[in-house]
Amino acid sequence: MSVLIIHRNPFEPFPYRDWLAGYDADVVVLAARDRIVGAGEAVPADHLGLTHLEVVPDFHDEELLFERALALAEKFEVTHVVAHHEADLLAAARVREHLGLAGAWTADTVPYRDKSVMKRLLVAAGIEVARHAVVSTAAEVQAFAEKHGFPVVVKDVAGFNAIGLRILHGPEPLELTGPVLVESFVPGKMCHVDGLVVGGRVVLAWASQYQYSLSSFGSDPGARVDLTLDVSDPLSVRLLDLAGRAVAALRTSDRHLDHAFHAEVFHTPDDRLVVCEIAARTGGAKIREVGAAIFGINHGEYLTRAQLGLSMPKLAATLAGGPPPTPARMSGQVLMMKRPGLVEALPSTLVEPWVARFWRYATVGDVIPPAAGSADFLLAAVATGADRAEAESRLRKIGVRFESQTRISQEGSS
């Protein structure tokens, strides 16, 4: 046994050597330098205890990524391929398929990466999604809006992190360089369900609700709160059921049995649940750390172990046929996005016992660019509470501190 990990992330949230305790075979990692440096980390000077670590400038060229990943897989005779970033799922699937390895192949991955295929399969399963169409011109976007009304949302068919997403409230200039998805705007709060599938069964899942708009990452200078829903909340029960049905609807073969999912769902003012989209990966931002706070299980760690067939002690009872675990407490994350300028002041360490983790992605004196996507943070923290109300109160207190203790000046301003 041996594993290739395709890694388009910083390393701090993914301590692979610790996660793979008890795994004595080769661990080979292909990493993107731009994602490491962009998170304020130094490029590792050694192999981090791994068999082989190869760092390339970036993963922008998917074909080059596939070719390099395949070469490493062949060189080290890997038996498993793992990828945590949404943009790497297809490359990982292609390597598995080329070598005949276990796990998702291309056909298994497309329903989670092509939003038009995803929505077609969800509709066929009786799951509501927004009215939508794949278009290639601004005129087609306008025609869709004339038929269904503004606002409309325009986004990449295979996008992630809200990059390139636009909400159009009326006719406006629009340049398209290829096919995009246009869909009717769905009002309401955006919820998300994050889970782990092992052996084709959802063995770990929880529901949360964003208290902000993901698409506002470039214009929102304030603290952004996202928190779990109480176990007793009827909405939580409905969301968990819907996510399970969506995962089943997108499964195309018995190869895709061990994976994570991050489902985004609108809860409309008239109490409907409308699936926005679902990814076959762990949630971004600090969702993995929120999972660790409520279950004692890091979603990324157990996904990695599941795909390698390793033990998952904290899910032993569930894997033996018992029910999925219930959160021991509530939690959430508070985030502040990067904005351009000179960093003059930032909050110091958070010392409250209910703060699970705190991160700073810049230091005083840095000149930083604007946020490049919904996961490009300046500050982040995870906090806990006995219930949702207590968790939210604590998160908002941290948010006030973030806002009052952060100062960024525009370069050249006085």
Protein backbone atom coordinates (compact mmCIF):
# COMPACT_ATOMS: atom_id res chain seq x y z
CA MET A 1 0.00 0.00 0.00
CA SER A 2 1.04 3.59 -0.66
CA VAL A 3 -0.76 6.87 -1.20
CA LEU A 4 -0.42 9.94 -3.40
CA ILE A 5 -1.98 13.10 -1.97
CA ILE A 6 -2.67 15.96 -4.38
CA HIS A 7 -2.48 19.03 -2.16
CA ARG A 8 -3.77 22.48 -3.25
CA ASN A 9 -3.85 23.91 0.27
CA PRO A 10 -1.63 25.26 3.04
CA PHE A 11 -0.18 22.54 5.26
CA GLU A 12 -1.27 23.74 8.72
CA PRO A 13 -4.84 22.39 8.42
CA PHE A 14 -3.61 19.09 6.94
CA PRO A 15 -1.03 17.40 9.22
CA TYR A 16 -0.87 14.25 7.14
CA ARG A 17 1.85 12.52 9.12
CA ASP A 18 -0.23 12.83 12.31
CA TRP A 19 -3.44 11.85 10.53
CA LEU A 20 -1.83 8.71 9.12
CA ALA A 21 -0.52 7.34 12.39
CA GLY A 22 -0.23 3.59 12.00
CA TYR A 23 0.15 3.80 8.23
CA ASP A 24 3.62 2.44 7.48
CA ALA A 25 3.54 2.61 3.67
CA ASP A 26 4.80 5.40 1.42
CA VAL A 27 3.08 8.79 1.66
CA VAL A 28 3.76 10.95 -1.41
CA VAL A 29 2.50 14.54 -1.57
CA LEU A 30 2.33 16.80 -4.63
CA ALA A 31 1.75 20.37 -3.38
CA ALA A 32 1.10 23.82 -4.88
CA ARG A 33 3.56 26.49 -3.74
CA ASP A 34 1.16 29.39 -4.34
CA ARG A 35 -1.37 27.99 -1.87
CA ILE A 36 1.29 27.46 0.79
CA VAL A 37 2.83 30.92 0.48
CA GLY A 38 -0.57 32.56 0.03
CA ALA A 39 -1.58 31.37 3.50
CA GLY A 40 1.54 32.91 5.04
CA GLU A 41 3.38 29.61 5.42
CA ALA A 42 6.98 28.96 4.47
CA VAL A 43 7.58 26.30 1.85
CA PRO A 44 8.78 23.24 3.81
CA ALA A 45 12.54 22.82 3.84
CA ASP A 46 12.24 19.06 4.26
CA HIS A 47 9.73 16.30 3.53
CA LEU A 48 7.66 16.83 6.71
CA GLY A 49 8.20 13.19 7.63
CA LEU A 50 6.65 12.07 4.35
CA THR A 51 8.22 9.64 1.91
CA HIS A 52 8.32 12.28 -0.80
CA LEU A 53 7.16 15.89 -0.99
CA GLU A 54 7.21 17.67 -4.34
CA VAL A 55 6.25 21.35 -4.48
CA VAL A 56 5.40 22.88 -7.87
CA PRO A 57 4.61 26.57 -8.51
CA ASP A 58 0.85 26.07 -8.92
CA PHE A 59 -1.86 23.75 -10.21
CA HIS A 60 -3.28 26.16 -12.79
CA ASP A 61 -2.78 23.78 -15.72
CA GLU A 62 -4.98 20.75 -15.02
CA GLU A 63 -3.35 18.65 -17.71
CA LEU A 64 0.13 19.27 -16.32
CA LEU A 65 -1.19 18.48 -12.85
CA PHE A 66 -2.61 15.18 -14.05
CA GLU A 67 0.60 14.26 -15.87
CA ARG A 68 2.80 15.01 -12.86
CA ALA A 69 0.45 13.23 -10.45
CA LEU A 70 0.36 10.20 -12.73
CA ALA A 71 4.15 10.14 -13.00
CA LEU A 72 4.51 10.16 -9.21
CA ALA A 73 1.81 7.52 -8.82
CA GLU A 74 3.63 5.25 -11.25
CA LYS A 75 7.07 5.92 -9.76
CA PHE A 76 5.98 5.10 -6.21
CA GLU A 77 3.50 2.40 -7.27
CA VAL A 78 0.73 4.02 -5.26
CA THR A 79 -2.43 2.12 -4.42
CA HIS A 80 -4.54 5.11 -3.34
CA VAL A 81 -4.96 8.72 -4.46
CA VAL A 82 -6.38 11.36 -2.12
CA ALA A 83 -7.38 14.96 -2.92
CA HIS A 84 -9.05 17.40 -0.53
CA HIS A 85 -9.49 20.45 -2.76
CA GLU A 86 -12.49 20.56 -5.07
CA ALA A 87 -10.38 21.60 -8.04
CA ASP A 88 -8.22 18.46 -7.70
CA LEU A 89 -10.96 15.84 -7.56
CA LEU A 90 -11.00 15.23 -11.30
CA ALA A 91 -7.21 14.94 -11.55
CA ALA A 92 -7.25 12.40 -8.71
CA ALA A 93 -10.08 10.49 -10.39
CA ARG A 94 -8.21 10.40 -13.70
CA VAL A 95 -5.08 8.99 -12.04
CA ARG A 96 -7.13 6.29 -10.31
CA GLU A 97 -8.91 5.43 -13.52
CA HIS A 98 -5.71 5.33 -15.57
CA LEU A 99 -4.11 2.93 -13.08
CA GLY A 100 -7.26 0.98 -12.24
CA LEU A 101 -7.17 1.99 -8.56
CA ALA A 102 -10.00 1.94 -6.04
CA GLY A 103 -12.01 5.09 -5.47
CA ALA A 104 -13.92 7.56 -7.61
CA TRP A 105 -13.20 7.64 -11.34
CA THR A 106 -14.08 10.43 -13.76
CA ALA A 107 -17.72 9.43 -14.23
CA ASP A 108 -18.17 9.31 -10.45
CA THR A 109 -16.67 12.76 -9.99
CA VAL A 110 -18.39 14.71 -12.78
CA PRO A 111 -21.79 14.94 -10.98
CA TYR A 112 -20.05 16.80 -8.16
CA ARG A 113 -17.95 19.05 -10.42
CA ASP A 114 -20.32 19.87 -13.30
CA LYS A 115 -23.17 21.84 -11.75
CA SER A 116 -25.49 21.25 -14.69
CA VAL A 117 -25.11 17.46 -14.42
CA MET A 118 -25.49 17.75 -10.66
CA LYS A 119 -28.76 19.65 -10.91
CA ARG A 120 -30.16 17.27 -13.53
CA LEU A 121 -29.55 14.27 -11.26
CA LEU A 122 -30.96 16.06 -8.22
CA VAL A 123 -34.13 17.02 -10.09
CA ALA A 124 -34.53 13.42 -11.27
CA ALA A 125 -34.44 12.38 -7.61
CA GLY A 126 -37.21 14.83 -6.71
CA ILE A 127 -34.88 17.36 -5.06
CA GLU A 128 -35.61 21.03 -5.71
CA VAL A 129 -32.95 23.24 -7.30
CA ALA A 130 -33.09 26.74 -8.77
CA ARG A 131 -34.26 27.24 -12.35
CA HIS A 132 -31.09 27.21 -14.42
CA ALA A 133 -29.48 26.90 -17.84
CA VAL A 134 -26.02 26.57 -19.33
CA VAL A 135 -25.34 29.55 -21.60
CA SER A 136 -22.39 30.96 -23.54
CA THR A 137 -23.37 34.55 -24.34
CA ALA A 138 -24.61 37.64 -22.55
CA ALA A 139 -27.67 37.58 -24.80
CA GLU A 140 -28.59 34.13 -23.48
CA VAL A 141 -28.23 35.39 -19.91
CA GLN A 142 -30.57 38.27 -20.76
CA ALA A 143 -33.06 35.90 -22.40
CA PHE A 144 -33.04 33.71 -19.29
CA ALA A 145 -33.67 36.75 -17.09
CA GLU A 146 -36.51 37.94 -19.32
CA LYS A 147 -38.15 34.54 -18.97
CA HIS A 148 -37.58 33.97 -15.26
CA GLY A 149 -36.96 37.46 -13.91
CA PHE A 150 -34.10 39.23 -12.15
CA PRO A 151 -32.06 38.77 -10.03
CA VAL A 152 -30.07 35.97 -11.64
CA VAL A 153 -26.81 34.34 -10.62
CA VAL A 154 -24.02 33.69 -13.12
CA LYS A 155 -21.23 31.29 -12.16
CA ASP A 156 -18.70 28.86 -13.54
CA VAL A 157 -20.15 25.45 -14.32
CA ALA A 158 -17.29 23.89 -12.34
CA GLY A 159 -16.53 26.78 -9.97
CA PHE A 160 -15.70 26.85 -6.26
CA ASN A 161 -15.15 29.37 -3.43
CA ALA A 162 -17.60 31.78 -5.12
CA ILE A 163 -14.80 32.82 -7.49
CA GLY A 164 -16.27 34.62 -10.51
CA LEU A 165 -19.82 34.44 -9.16
CA ARG A 166 -22.00 37.42 -10.07
CA ILE A 167 -25.51 38.38 -8.99
CA LEU A 168 -27.24 40.50 -11.63
CA HIS A 169 -30.15 42.64 -10.46
CA GLY A 170 -30.85 44.01 -13.92
CA PRO A 171 -29.36 44.26 -17.40
CA GLU A 172 -25.68 45.14 -17.30
CA PRO A 173 -22.58 44.57 -19.46
CA LEU A 174 -21.36 41.00 -19.22
CA GLU A 175 -18.41 39.36 -20.94
CA LEU A 176 -18.34 35.56 -21.03
CA THR A 177 -15.32 33.55 -22.13
CA GLY A 178 -17.09 30.21 -22.23
CA PRO A 179 -20.11 28.28 -20.97
CA VAL A 180 -21.49 29.37 -17.60
CA LEU A 181 -24.43 28.44 -15.44
CA VAL A 182 -27.17 31.03 -15.06
CA GLU A 183 -29.82 30.43 -12.44
CA SER A 184 -32.64 32.22 -10.72
CA PHE A 185 -31.71 33.91 -7.46
CA VAL A 186 -33.13 32.01 -4.48
CA PRO A 187 -33.94 34.19 -1.44
CA GLY A 188 -33.34 32.98 2.08
CA LYS A 189 -30.56 31.86 4.42
CA MET A 190 -27.82 29.65 3.05
CA CYS A 191 -27.34 26.50 5.11
CA HIS A 192 -24.71 23.83 4.68
CA VAL A 193 -24.41 20.18 5.62
CA ASP A 194 -20.99 18.63 6.01
CA GLY A 195 -20.57 14.91 6.20
CA LEU A 196 -18.54 11.78 5.67
CA VAL A 197 -19.63 8.77 3.64
CA VAL A 198 -18.00 5.39 4.39
CA GLY A 199 -19.03 2.27 2.55
CA GLY A 200 -21.78 4.24 0.84
CA ARG A 201 -23.41 5.27 4.13
CA VAL A 202 -23.43 8.72 5.74
CA VAL A 203 -21.65 8.03 9.03
CA LEU A 204 -21.01 11.61 10.17
CA ALA A 205 -22.91 14.79 9.36
CA TRP A 206 -23.99 18.10 10.84
CA ALA A 207 -25.94 21.13 9.65
CA SER A 208 -24.90 24.77 9.89
CA GLN A 209 -26.10 28.14 8.65
CA TYR A 210 -24.09 31.00 7.18
CA GLN A 211 -25.00 34.37 8.65
CA TYR A 212 -23.53 36.13 5.62
CA SER A 213 -23.45 35.91 1.84
CA LEU A 214 -20.58 33.86 0.41
CA SER A 215 -20.50 36.01 -2.72
CA SER A 216 -19.72 39.18 -0.73
CA PHE A 217 -16.15 38.12 0.12
CA GLY A 218 -14.68 41.01 -1.87
CA SER A 219 -16.85 43.76 -0.42
CA ASP A 220 -17.58 42.75 3.18
CA PRO A 221 -15.00 44.27 5.58
CA GLY A 222 -16.69 42.98 8.72
CA ALA A 223 -16.74 39.78 10.74
CA ARG A 224 -18.65 36.90 9.12
CA VAL A 225 -20.29 34.28 11.35
CA ASP A 226 -21.26 30.71 10.46
CA LEU A 227 -22.59 28.34 13.11
CA THR A 228 -24.07 24.92 13.67
CA LEU A 229 -27.77 24.30 14.16
CA ASP A 230 -29.04 22.82 17.40
CA VAL A 231 -29.62 19.07 17.35
CA SER A 232 -33.24 19.67 18.36
CA ASP A 233 -33.86 22.21 15.57
CA PRO A 234 -36.37 20.71 13.08
CA LEU A 235 -34.47 22.46 10.28
CA SER A 236 -31.36 20.48 11.17
CA VAL A 237 -33.25 17.20 10.82
CA ARG A 238 -34.63 18.25 7.43
CA LEU A 239 -31.23 19.34 6.16
CA LEU A 240 -29.54 16.11 7.19
CA ASP A 241 -32.23 14.07 5.44
CA LEU A 242 -31.98 16.18 2.28
CA ALA A 243 -28.20 15.89 2.17
CA GLY A 244 -28.40 12.12 2.46
CA ARG A 245 -30.85 11.97 -0.44
CA ALA A 246 -28.65 14.27 -2.53
CA VAL A 247 -25.56 12.12 -1.96
CA ALA A 248 -27.51 9.03 -3.01
CA ALA A 249 -28.79 10.81 -6.13
CA LEU A 250 -25.27 11.72 -7.27
CA ARG A 251 -23.75 8.26 -6.82
CA THR A 252 -23.19 6.71 -10.24
CA SER A 253 -21.29 3.54 -9.29
CA ASP A 254 -20.11 1.45 -6.36
CA ARG A 255 -16.62 2.91 -6.74
CA HIS A 256 -17.62 6.15 -5.03
CA LEU A 257 -18.35 4.85 -1.54
CA ASP A 258 -15.83 6.66 0.68
CA HIS A 259 -15.88 10.44 0.40
CA ALA A 260 -16.78 13.67 2.12
CA PHE A 261 -19.51 16.09 1.11
CA HIS A 262 -20.27 19.76 1.57
CA ALA A 263 -23.85 20.57 0.56
CA GLU A 264 -25.15 24.14 0.34
CA VAL A 265 -28.90 24.56 0.68
CA PHE A 266 -31.17 27.61 0.64
CA HIS A 267 -33.83 27.81 3.36
CA THR A 268 -36.39 30.08 1.72
CA PRO A 269 -38.78 32.51 3.46
CA ASP A 270 -41.66 30.14 2.59
CA ASP A 271 -39.82 27.25 4.32
CA ARG A 272 -38.62 25.34 1.25
CA LEU A 273 -35.20 23.71 1.03
CA VAL A 274 -33.54 24.33 -2.34
CA VAL A 275 -30.18 22.74 -3.05
CA CYS A 276 -27.63 25.25 -4.33
CA GLU A 277 -24.84 22.75 -4.94
CA ILE A 278 -22.91 19.91 -3.32
CA ALA A 279 -19.22 19.03 -3.44
CA ALA A 280 -17.54 15.69 -2.77
CA ARG A 281 -14.98 17.17 -0.37
CA THR A 282 -14.73 18.51 3.13
CA GLY A 283 -16.09 21.97 3.81
CA GLY A 284 -13.71 24.89 3.44
CA ALA A 285 -12.84 27.76 5.76
CA LYS A 286 -12.72 26.32 9.30
CA ILE A 287 -15.54 23.81 8.87
CA ARG A 288 -13.19 20.89 9.56
CA GLU A 289 -12.18 22.51 12.84
CA VAL A 290 -15.83 23.14 13.74
CA GLY A 291 -16.45 19.43 13.22
CA ALA A 292 -13.56 18.65 15.55
CA ALA A 293 -15.09 20.98 18.15
CA ILE A 294 -18.53 19.33 18.13
CA PHE A 295 -17.59 15.68 17.51
CA GLY A 296 -13.92 15.41 18.45
CA ILE A 297 -13.39 14.28 14.84
CA ASN A 298 -11.51 16.21 12.19
CA HIS A 299 -13.43 15.60 9.00
CA GLY A 300 -10.31 15.83 6.84
CA GLU A 301 -8.42 13.32 8.95
CA TYR A 302 -11.18 10.73 8.89
CA LEU A 303 -11.77 11.22 5.17
CA THR A 304 -8.09 10.49 4.55
CA ARG A 305 -8.16 7.43 6.78
CA ALA A 306 -11.41 6.16 5.26
CA GLN A 307 -10.03 6.31 1.74
CA LEU A 308 -7.01 4.27 2.85
CA GLY A 309 -9.10 1.71 4.73
CA LEU A 310 -7.58 2.70 8.08
CA SER A 311 -9.34 2.49 11.43
CA MET A 312 -11.53 5.36 12.63
CA PRO A 313 -11.80 4.74 16.38
CA LYS A 314 -14.24 7.56 17.15
CA LEU A 315 -16.67 6.18 14.58
CA ALA A 316 -16.27 2.53 15.58
CA ALA A 317 -19.81 2.19 16.95
CA THR A 318 -21.32 3.84 13.88
CA LEU A 319 -19.28 1.73 11.48
CA ALA A 320 -20.45 -1.36 13.37
CA GLY A 321 -24.03 -0.47 12.44
CA GLY A 322 -24.94 2.12 15.06
CA PRO A 323 -26.35 5.58 14.37
CA PRO A 324 -24.13 8.52 13.42
CA PRO A 325 -22.81 10.47 16.42
CA THR A 326 -24.63 13.49 17.83
CA PRO A 327 -22.74 16.75 18.46
CA ALA A 328 -21.60 17.13 22.06
CA ARG A 329 -21.88 20.92 21.85
CA MET A 330 -22.49 23.68 19.34
CA SER A 331 -19.78 25.60 17.52
CA GLY A 332 -19.09 27.90 14.63
CA GLN A 333 -16.54 30.09 12.95
CA VAL A 334 -16.03 33.82 12.68
CA LEU A 335 -14.04 35.05 9.70
CA MET A 336 -12.66 38.33 8.45
CA MET A 337 -11.66 38.57 4.80
CA LYS A 338 -8.47 40.11 3.51
CA ARG A 339 -8.77 43.61 2.12
CA PRO A 340 -6.02 45.52 0.34
CA GLY A 341 -3.60 47.78 2.13
CA LEU A 342 -0.98 48.07 4.86
CA VAL A 343 -1.77 46.10 8.01
CA GLU A 344 -1.33 48.52 10.92
CA ALA A 345 -3.03 46.57 13.73
CA LEU A 346 -4.47 43.11 14.39
CA PRO A 347 -6.04 41.38 17.39
CA SER A 348 -3.75 39.51 19.77
CA THR A 349 -4.31 35.95 20.94
CA LEU A 350 -7.81 35.01 22.15
CA VAL A 351 -7.57 33.45 25.62
CA GLU A 352 -11.18 32.57 26.45
CA PRO A 353 -11.57 28.84 27.24
CA TRP A 354 -14.42 28.51 24.75
CA VAL A 355 -12.18 29.58 21.86
CA ALA A 356 -11.12 26.35 20.17
CA ARG A 357 -8.72 27.89 17.63
CA PHE A 358 -7.56 31.30 16.42
CA TRP A 359 -5.68 32.13 13.20
CA ARG A 360 -4.01 35.25 11.79
CA TYR A 361 -3.01 35.21 8.12
CA ALA A 362 -0.97 38.42 8.16
CA THR A 363 1.26 40.34 10.53
CA VAL A 364 1.53 44.03 11.30
CA GLY A 365 3.54 45.68 8.55
CA ASP A 366 2.38 43.37 5.77
CA VAL A 367 0.91 44.82 2.59
CA ILE A 368 -1.87 42.46 1.54
CA PRO A 369 -4.04 42.11 -1.58
CA PRO A 370 -7.84 41.86 -1.62
CA ALA A 371 -9.50 38.51 -0.97
CA ALA A 372 -9.22 36.27 -4.02
CA GLY A 373 -12.13 34.06 -3.00
CA SER A 374 -14.48 33.18 -0.16
CA ALA A 375 -11.69 31.23 1.60
CA ASP A 376 -9.05 34.00 1.58
CA PHE A 377 -9.05 35.14 5.21
CA LEU A 378 -7.23 37.69 7.29
CA LEU A 379 -8.52 36.38 10.63
CA ALA A 380 -10.46 33.32 11.74
CA ALA A 381 -11.59 31.73 14.98
CA VAL A 382 -13.66 28.74 16.09
CA ALA A 383 -15.65 28.94 19.32
CA THR A 384 -18.03 26.62 21.17
CA GLY A 385 -21.14 26.89 23.31
CA ALA A 386 -23.63 24.65 25.06
CA ASP A 387 -26.22 25.53 22.42
CA ARG A 388 -26.47 27.59 19.27
CA ALA A 389 -27.46 30.77 21.09
CA GLU A 390 -24.42 30.66 23.35
CA ALA A 391 -22.09 29.79 20.47
CA GLU A 392 -23.44 32.66 18.38
CA SER A 393 -23.11 35.15 21.23
CA ARG A 394 -19.48 34.17 21.72
CA LEU A 395 -18.69 34.26 18.01
CA ARG A 396 -20.17 37.74 17.67
CA LYS A 397 -18.09 38.97 20.63
CA ILE A 398 -15.00 37.76 18.81
CA GLY A 399 -16.27 39.46 15.66
CA VAL A 400 -16.58 42.80 17.45
CA ARG A 401 -13.00 42.39 18.64
CA PHE A 402 -11.83 41.55 15.13
CA GLU A 403 -13.47 44.69 13.76
CA SER A 404 -12.33 47.05 16.52
CA GLN A 405 -8.74 45.81 16.73
CA THR A 406 -7.99 45.51 13.00
CA ARG A 407 -6.67 48.51 11.10
CA ILE A 408 -5.66 48.44 7.43
CA SER A 409 -4.71 51.60 5.58
CA GLN A 410 -4.69 52.07 1.84
CA GLU A 411 -1.16 52.47 0.52
CA GLY A 412 -0.42 56.08 -0.22
CA SER A 413 -3.19 57.40 2.06
CA SER A 414 -2.35 59.70 4.91
